[in-house]
Amino acid sequence: MREYDLIADWFRKDRSSTIGVSEALELAAKLRNASVILDLGCGNGQPVAKALSAKGHRVVGLDSSMGMLAHLRADLPNIPAVCSDARACPFASATFDAAISMGMLFHLRPLEQAAAFASVSRVLKPKALFLFTGAEIPGATDEGITGEMNGVTFRYYAVRSYRTMLAEHGFTLIDVHDDPGVATYYLATRQP
């Protein structure tokens, strides 16, 4: 995503070192040791990929921003990082034990989010967990809203129902957790 290339240096300095970490570690605690976890929209790997890796899991980062990935590779050289689009994950089917996506999916239009879910569903093992942040509004439209981060304009989109969209792509929504003013976390499991 070109916008994140524009703010990669700023993001590296100003990104919270705690957002999403407790939720990611809670998911990781449900996995066997050294599980393979896809960090979808990993950015610079801070703080989620770093925290998961520190707990002994094998994290693979995927992001479309070369600028963000350059920082991940410099700061966390033991975490493989792939530059690609979340809507077409370049991994073999049933590769990952879990997937996490913090602060990325809501930049995609609803149909693009659906494509990302289909792609993630394909690369997850049956019964794998998928934790992501998003926005759900029953009357959501494709127009979305714009916002600004460090002077760069970003688009944000909500979907009408993650439960419905996930089910269409082989997932069952099992929990929703709202951290007011921070994020809404959705936890799903890949159907067997």
N, C-alpha and C. Protein backbone atom coordinates (compact mmCIF):
# COMPACT_ATOMS: atom_id res chain seq x y z
N MET A 1 0.84 -1.17 0.00
CA MET A 1 0.00 0.00 0.00
C MET A 1 0.89 1.23 0.00
N ARG A 2 0.79 2.02 -1.03
CA ARG A 2 1.64 3.18 -1.22
C ARG A 2 1.60 4.15 -0.03
N GLU A 3 0.42 4.32 0.57
CA GLU A 3 0.30 5.25 1.69
C GLU A 3 1.22 4.89 2.85
N TYR A 4 1.35 3.59 3.12
CA TYR A 4 2.23 3.18 4.21
C TYR A 4 3.70 3.35 3.86
N ASP A 5 4.05 3.30 2.59
CA ASP A 5 5.42 3.61 2.20
C ASP A 5 5.75 5.06 2.57
N LEU A 6 4.76 5.95 2.42
CA LEU A 6 4.97 7.36 2.71
C LEU A 6 5.18 7.65 4.19
N ILE A 7 4.65 6.81 5.06
CA ILE A 7 4.77 7.06 6.50
C ILE A 7 5.60 6.01 7.22
N ALA A 8 6.32 5.18 6.50
CA ALA A 8 7.04 4.06 7.12
C ALA A 8 8.01 4.52 8.20
N ASP A 9 8.75 5.58 7.96
CA ASP A 9 9.72 6.05 8.96
C ASP A 9 9.00 6.60 10.19
N TRP A 10 7.98 7.40 9.98
CA TRP A 10 7.20 7.95 11.09
C TRP A 10 6.54 6.83 11.90
N PHE A 11 5.95 5.88 11.20
CA PHE A 11 5.25 4.78 11.85
C PHE A 11 6.20 3.98 12.74
N ARG A 12 7.41 3.79 12.27
CA ARG A 12 8.41 3.04 13.03
C ARG A 12 8.69 3.70 14.37
N LYS A 13 8.69 5.03 14.41
CA LYS A 13 8.99 5.77 15.63
C LYS A 13 7.78 5.94 16.53
N ASP A 14 6.59 6.08 15.93
CA ASP A 14 5.42 6.46 16.71
C ASP A 14 4.40 5.36 16.96
N ARG A 15 4.57 4.19 16.42
CA ARG A 15 3.61 3.10 16.60
C ARG A 15 3.60 2.65 18.06
N SER A 16 2.43 2.46 18.59
CA SER A 16 2.30 1.98 19.97
C SER A 16 2.99 0.62 20.11
N SER A 17 3.61 0.41 21.24
CA SER A 17 4.29 -0.87 21.48
C SER A 17 3.38 -1.88 22.17
N THR A 18 2.08 -1.53 22.30
CA THR A 18 1.17 -2.44 23.00
C THR A 18 -0.09 -2.79 22.23
N ILE A 19 -0.50 -2.00 21.25
CA ILE A 19 -1.78 -2.24 20.56
C ILE A 19 -1.78 -3.63 19.93
N GLY A 20 -2.75 -4.42 20.32
CA GLY A 20 -2.94 -5.75 19.75
C GLY A 20 -2.10 -6.85 20.37
N VAL A 21 -1.12 -6.49 21.19
CA VAL A 21 -0.21 -7.50 21.73
C VAL A 21 -0.94 -8.46 22.66
N SER A 22 -1.71 -7.96 23.61
CA SER A 22 -2.37 -8.88 24.54
C SER A 22 -3.34 -9.80 23.81
N GLU A 23 -4.05 -9.29 22.81
CA GLU A 23 -4.98 -10.11 22.03
C GLU A 23 -4.23 -11.16 21.22
N ALA A 24 -3.10 -10.77 20.63
CA ALA A 24 -2.29 -11.72 19.85
C ALA A 24 -1.71 -12.81 20.75
N LEU A 25 -1.25 -12.43 21.92
CA LEU A 25 -0.68 -13.42 22.83
C LEU A 25 -1.75 -14.33 23.41
N GLU A 26 -2.95 -13.80 23.58
CA GLU A 26 -4.07 -14.65 24.03
C GLU A 26 -4.38 -15.71 22.99
N LEU A 27 -4.37 -15.32 21.72
CA LEU A 27 -4.56 -16.30 20.65
C LEU A 27 -3.42 -17.31 20.65
N ALA A 28 -2.19 -16.82 20.76
CA ALA A 28 -1.01 -17.69 20.70
C ALA A 28 -1.01 -18.70 21.84
N ALA A 29 -1.57 -18.34 22.97
CA ALA A 29 -1.61 -19.26 24.11
C ALA A 29 -2.49 -20.47 23.82
N LYS A 30 -3.35 -20.38 22.83
CA LYS A 30 -4.23 -21.49 22.46
C LYS A 30 -3.56 -22.44 21.45
N LEU A 31 -2.37 -22.06 20.99
CA LEU A 31 -1.67 -22.83 19.96
C LEU A 31 -0.57 -23.68 20.58
N ARG A 32 -0.15 -24.70 19.85
CA ARG A 32 0.99 -25.50 20.30
C ARG A 32 2.26 -24.66 20.15
N ASN A 33 3.30 -25.06 20.86
CA ASN A 33 4.58 -24.34 20.78
C ASN A 33 5.11 -24.33 19.35
N ALA A 34 5.77 -23.25 18.98
CA ALA A 34 6.40 -23.09 17.67
C ALA A 34 5.41 -23.20 16.52
N SER A 35 4.18 -22.74 16.74
CA SER A 35 3.19 -22.72 15.65
C SER A 35 3.62 -21.73 14.58
N VAL A 36 3.17 -21.98 13.37
CA VAL A 36 3.46 -21.09 12.25
C VAL A 36 2.28 -20.14 12.10
N ILE A 37 2.57 -18.83 12.27
CA ILE A 37 1.53 -17.81 12.28
C ILE A 37 1.77 -16.82 11.16
N LEU A 38 0.74 -16.57 10.37
CA LEU A 38 0.78 -15.55 9.32
C LEU A 38 0.37 -14.22 9.92
N ASP A 39 1.22 -13.22 9.78
CA ASP A 39 0.89 -11.85 10.19
C ASP A 39 0.56 -11.08 8.92
N LEU A 40 -0.73 -10.99 8.65
CA LEU A 40 -1.25 -10.39 7.42
C LEU A 40 -1.32 -8.88 7.57
N GLY A 41 -0.57 -8.14 6.75
CA GLY A 41 -0.48 -6.70 6.92
C GLY A 41 0.45 -6.39 8.09
N CYS A 42 1.56 -7.09 8.13
CA CYS A 42 2.47 -7.05 9.28
C CYS A 42 3.15 -5.71 9.48
N GLY A 43 3.20 -4.88 8.43
CA GLY A 43 3.91 -3.62 8.54
C GLY A 43 5.36 -3.84 8.91
N ASN A 44 5.83 -3.11 9.92
CA ASN A 44 7.23 -3.23 10.32
C ASN A 44 7.45 -4.32 11.38
N GLY A 45 6.40 -5.08 11.67
CA GLY A 45 6.52 -6.18 12.62
C GLY A 45 6.36 -5.79 14.07
N GLN A 46 6.22 -4.50 14.32
CA GLN A 46 6.09 -3.99 15.67
C GLN A 46 4.63 -3.65 15.95
N PRO A 47 4.06 -4.06 17.00
CA PRO A 47 4.63 -4.86 18.06
C PRO A 47 4.23 -6.34 18.00
N VAL A 48 3.28 -6.70 17.12
CA VAL A 48 2.67 -8.02 17.17
C VAL A 48 3.60 -9.14 16.73
N ALA A 49 4.20 -9.05 15.56
CA ALA A 49 5.09 -10.11 15.09
C ALA A 49 6.26 -10.30 16.06
N LYS A 50 6.77 -9.21 16.56
CA LYS A 50 7.88 -9.28 17.52
C LYS A 50 7.45 -10.05 18.78
N ALA A 51 6.27 -9.74 19.31
CA ALA A 51 5.78 -10.40 20.53
C ALA A 51 5.54 -11.89 20.30
N LEU A 52 4.95 -12.24 19.16
CA LEU A 52 4.68 -13.65 18.87
C LEU A 52 5.98 -14.43 18.69
N SER A 53 6.92 -13.82 18.01
CA SER A 53 8.22 -14.46 17.80
C SER A 53 8.95 -14.66 19.13
N ALA A 54 8.86 -13.68 20.01
CA ALA A 54 9.51 -13.77 21.32
C ALA A 54 8.92 -14.91 22.16
N LYS A 55 7.69 -15.29 21.88
CA LYS A 55 7.05 -16.41 22.59
C LYS A 55 7.36 -17.76 21.93
N GLY A 56 8.22 -17.76 20.91
CA GLY A 56 8.66 -19.00 20.29
C GLY A 56 7.87 -19.45 19.08
N HIS A 57 6.96 -18.63 18.60
CA HIS A 57 6.20 -19.00 17.41
C HIS A 57 6.96 -18.58 16.16
N ARG A 58 6.71 -19.29 15.08
CA ARG A 58 7.34 -18.99 13.80
C ARG A 58 6.40 -18.09 13.01
N VAL A 59 6.74 -16.82 12.96
CA VAL A 59 5.90 -15.81 12.32
C VAL A 59 6.40 -15.55 10.91
N VAL A 60 5.46 -15.44 9.98
CA VAL A 60 5.75 -15.03 8.61
C VAL A 60 4.94 -13.77 8.35
N GLY A 61 5.63 -12.69 7.99
CA GLY A 61 4.95 -11.43 7.73
C GLY A 61 4.63 -11.27 6.25
N LEU A 62 3.46 -10.70 5.99
CA LEU A 62 3.05 -10.36 4.62
C LEU A 62 2.53 -8.94 4.62
N ASP A 63 3.05 -8.13 3.73
CA ASP A 63 2.61 -6.74 3.62
C ASP A 63 2.87 -6.28 2.19
N SER A 64 2.09 -5.28 1.76
CA SER A 64 2.28 -4.75 0.41
C SER A 64 3.15 -3.50 0.40
N SER A 65 3.60 -3.04 1.56
CA SER A 65 4.43 -1.85 1.64
C SER A 65 5.91 -2.23 1.77
N MET A 66 6.67 -1.91 0.75
CA MET A 66 8.11 -2.18 0.78
C MET A 66 8.79 -1.37 1.88
N GLY A 67 8.32 -0.15 2.11
CA GLY A 67 8.92 0.69 3.16
C GLY A 67 8.75 0.08 4.53
N MET A 68 7.55 -0.42 4.82
CA MET A 68 7.31 -1.05 6.12
C MET A 68 8.12 -2.34 6.24
N LEU A 69 8.16 -3.13 5.19
CA LEU A 69 8.91 -4.38 5.23
C LEU A 69 10.42 -4.15 5.38
N ALA A 70 10.92 -3.06 4.84
CA ALA A 70 12.35 -2.75 4.99
C ALA A 70 12.68 -2.59 6.48
N HIS A 71 11.79 -1.95 7.22
CA HIS A 71 12.01 -1.79 8.66
C HIS A 71 11.89 -3.13 9.39
N LEU A 72 10.93 -3.95 9.00
CA LEU A 72 10.80 -5.28 9.61
C LEU A 72 12.08 -6.08 9.40
N ARG A 73 12.57 -6.07 8.17
CA ARG A 73 13.77 -6.86 7.86
C ARG A 73 14.99 -6.35 8.61
N ALA A 74 15.06 -5.02 8.83
CA ALA A 74 16.20 -4.45 9.56
C ALA A 74 16.10 -4.73 11.06
N ASP A 75 14.90 -4.61 11.61
CA ASP A 75 14.73 -4.73 13.06
C ASP A 75 14.48 -6.15 13.54
N LEU A 76 13.88 -6.97 12.70
CA LEU A 76 13.52 -8.35 13.08
C LEU A 76 13.96 -9.31 11.98
N PRO A 77 15.27 -9.44 11.78
CA PRO A 77 15.78 -10.22 10.64
C PRO A 77 15.42 -11.70 10.67
N ASN A 78 15.00 -12.23 11.81
CA ASN A 78 14.65 -13.65 11.89
C ASN A 78 13.21 -13.94 11.48
N ILE A 79 12.45 -12.89 11.19
CA ILE A 79 11.07 -13.07 10.76
C ILE A 79 11.01 -12.94 9.24
N PRO A 80 10.65 -14.02 8.53
CA PRO A 80 10.52 -13.92 7.08
C PRO A 80 9.44 -12.91 6.71
N ALA A 81 9.73 -12.09 5.71
CA ALA A 81 8.80 -11.05 5.29
C ALA A 81 8.58 -11.14 3.78
N VAL A 82 7.32 -11.18 3.38
CA VAL A 82 6.95 -11.32 1.98
C VAL A 82 6.17 -10.09 1.54
N CYS A 83 6.58 -9.50 0.44
CA CYS A 83 5.85 -8.37 -0.13
C CYS A 83 4.81 -8.93 -1.09
N SER A 84 3.55 -8.81 -0.70
CA SER A 84 2.47 -9.34 -1.52
C SER A 84 1.15 -8.73 -1.08
N ASP A 85 0.11 -9.07 -1.80
CA ASP A 85 -1.23 -8.59 -1.55
C ASP A 85 -2.01 -9.61 -0.74
N ALA A 86 -2.68 -9.16 0.30
CA ALA A 86 -3.46 -10.06 1.17
C ALA A 86 -4.57 -10.78 0.43
N ARG A 87 -4.99 -10.24 -0.69
CA ARG A 87 -6.06 -10.87 -1.46
C ARG A 87 -5.57 -12.03 -2.30
N ALA A 88 -4.26 -12.24 -2.32
CA ALA A 88 -3.67 -13.35 -3.08
C ALA A 88 -2.42 -13.83 -2.34
N CYS A 89 -2.62 -14.42 -1.17
CA CYS A 89 -1.49 -14.90 -0.37
C CYS A 89 -0.66 -15.91 -1.17
N PRO A 90 0.65 -15.67 -1.29
CA PRO A 90 1.50 -16.52 -2.12
C PRO A 90 2.07 -17.73 -1.39
N PHE A 91 1.23 -18.40 -0.62
CA PHE A 91 1.67 -19.55 0.16
C PHE A 91 0.87 -20.78 -0.25
N ALA A 92 1.42 -21.94 0.03
CA ALA A 92 0.73 -23.19 -0.25
C ALA A 92 -0.50 -23.32 0.65
N SER A 93 -1.46 -24.06 0.20
CA SER A 93 -2.68 -24.30 0.97
C SER A 93 -2.34 -25.01 2.28
N ALA A 94 -3.11 -24.68 3.33
CA ALA A 94 -3.00 -25.31 4.65
C ALA A 94 -1.59 -25.22 5.23
N THR A 95 -0.96 -24.07 5.10
CA THR A 95 0.40 -23.86 5.60
C THR A 95 0.44 -23.40 7.05
N PHE A 96 -0.52 -22.56 7.47
CA PHE A 96 -0.43 -21.86 8.74
C PHE A 96 -1.35 -22.42 9.81
N ASP A 97 -0.85 -22.37 11.06
CA ASP A 97 -1.62 -22.80 12.23
C ASP A 97 -2.56 -21.70 12.71
N ALA A 98 -2.26 -20.45 12.35
CA ALA A 98 -3.09 -19.30 12.74
C ALA A 98 -2.71 -18.12 11.86
N ALA A 99 -3.59 -17.12 11.86
CA ALA A 99 -3.31 -15.87 11.16
C ALA A 99 -3.80 -14.71 12.02
N ILE A 100 -3.09 -13.61 11.90
CA ILE A 100 -3.43 -12.38 12.62
C ILE A 100 -3.35 -11.23 11.63
N SER A 101 -4.30 -10.31 11.74
CA SER A 101 -4.27 -9.12 10.90
C SER A 101 -4.74 -7.93 11.73
N MET A 102 -3.80 -7.09 12.11
CA MET A 102 -4.11 -5.92 12.93
C MET A 102 -4.03 -4.65 12.10
N GLY A 103 -5.13 -3.92 12.05
CA GLY A 103 -5.11 -2.60 11.42
C GLY A 103 -4.92 -2.59 9.92
N MET A 104 -5.30 -3.65 9.23
CA MET A 104 -5.10 -3.68 7.79
C MET A 104 -6.38 -3.88 7.00
N LEU A 105 -7.19 -4.86 7.38
CA LEU A 105 -8.35 -5.23 6.55
C LEU A 105 -9.30 -4.07 6.29
N PHE A 106 -9.48 -3.18 7.25
CA PHE A 106 -10.44 -2.09 7.06
C PHE A 106 -9.98 -1.05 6.05
N HIS A 107 -8.77 -1.19 5.52
CA HIS A 107 -8.35 -0.33 4.40
C HIS A 107 -8.89 -0.85 3.07
N LEU A 108 -9.43 -2.06 3.06
CA LEU A 108 -9.94 -2.69 1.84
C LEU A 108 -11.45 -2.54 1.75
N ARG A 109 -11.94 -2.31 0.53
CA ARG A 109 -13.40 -2.28 0.31
C ARG A 109 -13.98 -3.63 0.72
N PRO A 110 -15.27 -3.69 1.05
CA PRO A 110 -15.86 -4.96 1.49
C PRO A 110 -15.59 -6.15 0.56
N LEU A 111 -15.70 -5.97 -0.75
CA LEU A 111 -15.43 -7.09 -1.66
C LEU A 111 -13.96 -7.49 -1.63
N GLU A 112 -13.07 -6.53 -1.40
CA GLU A 112 -11.66 -6.84 -1.28
C GLU A 112 -11.37 -7.56 0.04
N GLN A 113 -12.09 -7.18 1.11
CA GLN A 113 -11.95 -7.90 2.37
C GLN A 113 -12.38 -9.35 2.19
N ALA A 114 -13.47 -9.55 1.45
CA ALA A 114 -13.94 -10.92 1.18
C ALA A 114 -12.87 -11.71 0.43
N ALA A 115 -12.20 -11.08 -0.53
CA ALA A 115 -11.13 -11.75 -1.26
C ALA A 115 -9.97 -12.11 -0.33
N ALA A 116 -9.66 -11.21 0.61
CA ALA A 116 -8.61 -11.50 1.58
C ALA A 116 -9.00 -12.67 2.48
N PHE A 117 -10.27 -12.72 2.90
CA PHE A 117 -10.73 -13.85 3.72
C PHE A 117 -10.61 -15.17 2.95
N ALA A 118 -10.96 -15.15 1.67
CA ALA A 118 -10.84 -16.36 0.85
C ALA A 118 -9.38 -16.80 0.76
N SER A 119 -8.49 -15.84 0.60
CA SER A 119 -7.07 -16.14 0.48
C SER A 119 -6.51 -16.69 1.80
N VAL A 120 -6.87 -16.07 2.91
CA VAL A 120 -6.42 -16.54 4.22
C VAL A 120 -7.00 -17.92 4.52
N SER A 121 -8.26 -18.10 4.19
CA SER A 121 -8.91 -19.40 4.42
C SER A 121 -8.14 -20.52 3.72
N ARG A 122 -7.69 -20.25 2.52
CA ARG A 122 -6.96 -21.26 1.74
C ARG A 122 -5.64 -21.64 2.39
N VAL A 123 -4.92 -20.67 2.97
CA VAL A 123 -3.58 -20.96 3.51
C VAL A 123 -3.59 -21.43 4.96
N LEU A 124 -4.76 -21.37 5.62
CA LEU A 124 -4.85 -21.86 6.99
C LEU A 124 -5.18 -23.34 7.03
N LYS A 125 -4.67 -24.01 8.04
CA LYS A 125 -5.02 -25.41 8.29
C LYS A 125 -6.45 -25.47 8.84
N PRO A 126 -7.13 -26.60 8.66
CA PRO A 126 -8.46 -26.74 9.27
C PRO A 126 -8.39 -26.50 10.78
N LYS A 127 -9.38 -25.81 11.29
CA LYS A 127 -9.52 -25.47 12.72
C LYS A 127 -8.53 -24.40 13.18
N ALA A 128 -7.76 -23.81 12.25
CA ALA A 128 -6.82 -22.74 12.61
C ALA A 128 -7.60 -21.51 13.05
N LEU A 129 -6.97 -20.70 13.91
CA LEU A 129 -7.59 -19.47 14.39
C LEU A 129 -7.16 -18.29 13.53
N PHE A 130 -8.07 -17.32 13.40
CA PHE A 130 -7.80 -16.10 12.65
C PHE A 130 -8.31 -14.93 13.47
N LEU A 131 -7.39 -14.06 13.91
CA LEU A 131 -7.71 -12.87 14.69
C LEU A 131 -7.45 -11.65 13.82
N PHE A 132 -8.44 -10.77 13.74
CA PHE A 132 -8.25 -9.56 12.94
C PHE A 132 -9.02 -8.40 13.54
N THR A 133 -8.65 -7.20 13.14
CA THR A 133 -9.40 -6.00 13.53
C THR A 133 -10.18 -5.53 12.32
N GLY A 134 -11.34 -4.97 12.59
CA GLY A 134 -12.18 -4.48 11.51
C GLY A 134 -13.29 -3.61 12.05
N ALA A 135 -14.13 -3.18 11.14
CA ALA A 135 -15.29 -2.36 11.50
C ALA A 135 -16.52 -2.96 10.85
N GLU A 136 -17.55 -3.13 11.67
CA GLU A 136 -18.80 -3.73 11.20
C GLU A 136 -19.93 -2.75 11.47
N ILE A 137 -20.63 -2.36 10.40
CA ILE A 137 -21.78 -1.45 10.51
C ILE A 137 -22.88 -2.02 9.64
N PRO A 138 -24.05 -2.35 10.22
CA PRO A 138 -25.12 -3.00 9.45
C PRO A 138 -25.46 -2.30 8.13
N GLY A 139 -25.44 -1.00 8.07
CA GLY A 139 -25.78 -0.28 6.84
C GLY A 139 -24.57 0.19 6.06
N ALA A 140 -23.42 -0.46 6.22
CA ALA A 140 -22.18 -0.02 5.57
C ALA A 140 -22.32 0.00 4.05
N THR A 141 -21.70 0.98 3.44
CA THR A 141 -21.68 1.10 1.98
C THR A 141 -20.23 1.01 1.50
N ASP A 142 -20.05 0.97 0.19
CA ASP A 142 -18.71 0.89 -0.38
C ASP A 142 -17.98 2.23 -0.38
N GLU A 143 -18.65 3.32 0.03
CA GLU A 143 -17.98 4.62 0.00
C GLU A 143 -16.89 4.74 1.05
N GLY A 144 -17.10 4.19 2.23
CA GLY A 144 -16.11 4.29 3.29
C GLY A 144 -15.92 5.72 3.74
N ILE A 145 -14.88 5.93 4.51
CA ILE A 145 -14.54 7.27 4.98
C ILE A 145 -13.05 7.49 4.76
N THR A 146 -12.63 8.73 4.86
CA THR A 146 -11.20 9.02 4.77
C THR A 146 -10.72 9.50 6.13
N GLY A 147 -9.47 9.27 6.38
CA GLY A 147 -8.83 9.74 7.59
C GLY A 147 -7.39 10.09 7.26
N GLU A 148 -6.71 10.69 8.21
CA GLU A 148 -5.35 11.11 7.96
C GLU A 148 -4.42 10.56 9.04
N MET A 149 -3.26 10.13 8.60
CA MET A 149 -2.23 9.67 9.52
C MET A 149 -0.92 10.32 9.09
N ASN A 150 -0.37 11.14 9.94
CA ASN A 150 0.89 11.85 9.66
C ASN A 150 0.85 12.57 8.31
N GLY A 151 -0.29 13.20 8.03
CA GLY A 151 -0.43 13.99 6.81
C GLY A 151 -0.76 13.21 5.56
N VAL A 152 -0.94 11.91 5.66
CA VAL A 152 -1.27 11.07 4.51
C VAL A 152 -2.71 10.60 4.64
N THR A 153 -3.48 10.73 3.55
CA THR A 153 -4.89 10.34 3.56
C THR A 153 -5.04 8.84 3.32
N PHE A 154 -5.85 8.21 4.16
CA PHE A 154 -6.16 6.78 4.07
C PHE A 154 -7.66 6.60 3.93
N ARG A 155 -8.07 5.50 3.30
CA ARG A 155 -9.48 5.12 3.21
C ARG A 155 -9.75 4.01 4.23
N TYR A 156 -10.96 4.05 4.79
CA TYR A 156 -11.38 3.05 5.77
C TYR A 156 -12.77 2.57 5.39
N TYR A 157 -13.00 1.26 5.51
CA TYR A 157 -14.27 0.67 5.12
C TYR A 157 -14.79 -0.26 6.21
N ALA A 158 -16.10 -0.26 6.36
CA ALA A 158 -16.77 -1.20 7.26
C ALA A 158 -17.50 -2.22 6.40
N VAL A 159 -17.79 -3.36 6.99
CA VAL A 159 -18.63 -4.36 6.31
C VAL A 159 -19.94 -4.46 7.07
N ARG A 160 -20.95 -5.03 6.42
CA ARG A 160 -22.26 -5.17 7.06
C ARG A 160 -22.26 -6.24 8.14
N SER A 161 -21.63 -7.38 7.87
CA SER A 161 -21.63 -8.48 8.83
C SER A 161 -20.42 -9.38 8.61
N TYR A 162 -19.49 -9.36 9.57
CA TYR A 162 -18.36 -10.27 9.45
C TYR A 162 -18.79 -11.72 9.62
N ARG A 163 -19.79 -11.98 10.44
CA ARG A 163 -20.25 -13.36 10.62
C ARG A 163 -20.65 -13.96 9.26
N THR A 164 -21.40 -13.19 8.48
CA THR A 164 -21.85 -13.66 7.16
C THR A 164 -20.68 -13.79 6.20
N MET A 165 -19.85 -12.75 6.13
CA MET A 165 -18.73 -12.76 5.19
C MET A 165 -17.75 -13.88 5.51
N LEU A 166 -17.46 -14.08 6.79
CA LEU A 166 -16.54 -15.15 7.17
C LEU A 166 -17.10 -16.52 6.81
N ALA A 167 -18.39 -16.73 7.08
CA ALA A 167 -19.02 -18.02 6.77
C ALA A 167 -18.93 -18.35 5.29
N GLU A 168 -19.01 -17.32 4.46
CA GLU A 168 -18.93 -17.53 3.00
C GLU A 168 -17.54 -18.00 2.58
N HIS A 169 -16.56 -17.85 3.46
CA HIS A 169 -15.18 -18.21 3.11
C HIS A 169 -14.59 -19.25 4.05
N GLY A 170 -15.46 -20.06 4.66
CA GLY A 170 -14.99 -21.21 5.43
C GLY A 170 -14.62 -20.94 6.87
N PHE A 171 -15.10 -19.83 7.43
CA PHE A 171 -14.79 -19.49 8.82
C PHE A 171 -16.07 -19.47 9.66
N THR A 172 -15.87 -19.66 10.95
CA THR A 172 -16.92 -19.45 11.93
C THR A 172 -16.45 -18.37 12.90
N LEU A 173 -17.24 -17.32 13.04
CA LEU A 173 -16.91 -16.25 13.99
C LEU A 173 -17.18 -16.78 15.39
N ILE A 174 -16.18 -16.72 16.27
CA ILE A 174 -16.38 -17.27 17.61
C ILE A 174 -16.32 -16.22 18.72
N ASP A 175 -15.78 -15.02 18.43
CA ASP A 175 -15.74 -14.00 19.47
C ASP A 175 -15.52 -12.63 18.86
N VAL A 176 -16.08 -11.62 19.52
CA VAL A 176 -15.84 -10.22 19.16
C VAL A 176 -15.50 -9.50 20.45
N HIS A 177 -14.42 -8.76 20.42
CA HIS A 177 -13.96 -8.03 21.61
C HIS A 177 -13.70 -6.59 21.19
N ASP A 178 -14.34 -5.66 21.88
CA ASP A 178 -14.15 -4.25 21.57
C ASP A 178 -13.26 -3.61 22.63
N ASP A 179 -12.21 -2.95 22.17
CA ASP A 179 -11.35 -2.16 23.04
C ASP A 179 -11.64 -0.71 22.67
N PRO A 180 -12.57 -0.05 23.36
CA PRO A 180 -13.05 1.28 22.96
C PRO A 180 -11.93 2.27 22.68
N GLY A 181 -12.04 2.93 21.55
CA GLY A 181 -11.06 3.92 21.14
C GLY A 181 -9.80 3.33 20.55
N VAL A 182 -9.69 2.00 20.54
CA VAL A 182 -8.48 1.36 20.01
C VAL A 182 -8.83 0.50 18.80
N ALA A 183 -9.60 -0.58 19.02
CA ALA A 183 -9.93 -1.50 17.93
C ALA A 183 -11.04 -2.45 18.36
N THR A 184 -11.68 -3.03 17.35
CA THR A 184 -12.59 -4.15 17.58
C THR A 184 -11.92 -5.38 17.00
N TYR A 185 -11.79 -6.41 17.83
CA TYR A 185 -11.10 -7.64 17.47
C TYR A 185 -12.11 -8.74 17.18
N TYR A 186 -11.91 -9.42 16.08
CA TYR A 186 -12.77 -10.53 15.67
C TYR A 186 -11.93 -11.80 15.68
N LEU A 187 -12.43 -12.84 16.30
CA LEU A 187 -11.74 -14.12 16.32
C LEU A 187 -12.60 -15.15 15.60
N ALA A 188 -12.01 -15.80 14.63
CA ALA A 188 -12.72 -16.81 13.84
C ALA A 188 -11.89 -18.08 13.81
N THR A 189 -12.54 -19.16 13.45
CA THR A 189 -11.81 -20.41 13.27
C THR A 189 -12.12 -20.96 11.87
N ARG A 190 -11.10 -21.54 11.27
CA ARG A 190 -11.24 -22.14 9.94
C ARG A 190 -12.02 -23.43 10.10
N GLN A 191 -13.11 -23.55 9.37
CA GLN A 191 -13.92 -24.75 9.46
C GLN A 191 -13.13 -25.95 8.94
N PRO A 192 -13.35 -27.14 9.54
CA PRO A 192 -12.62 -28.33 9.08
C PRO A 192 -13.01 -28.73 7.67
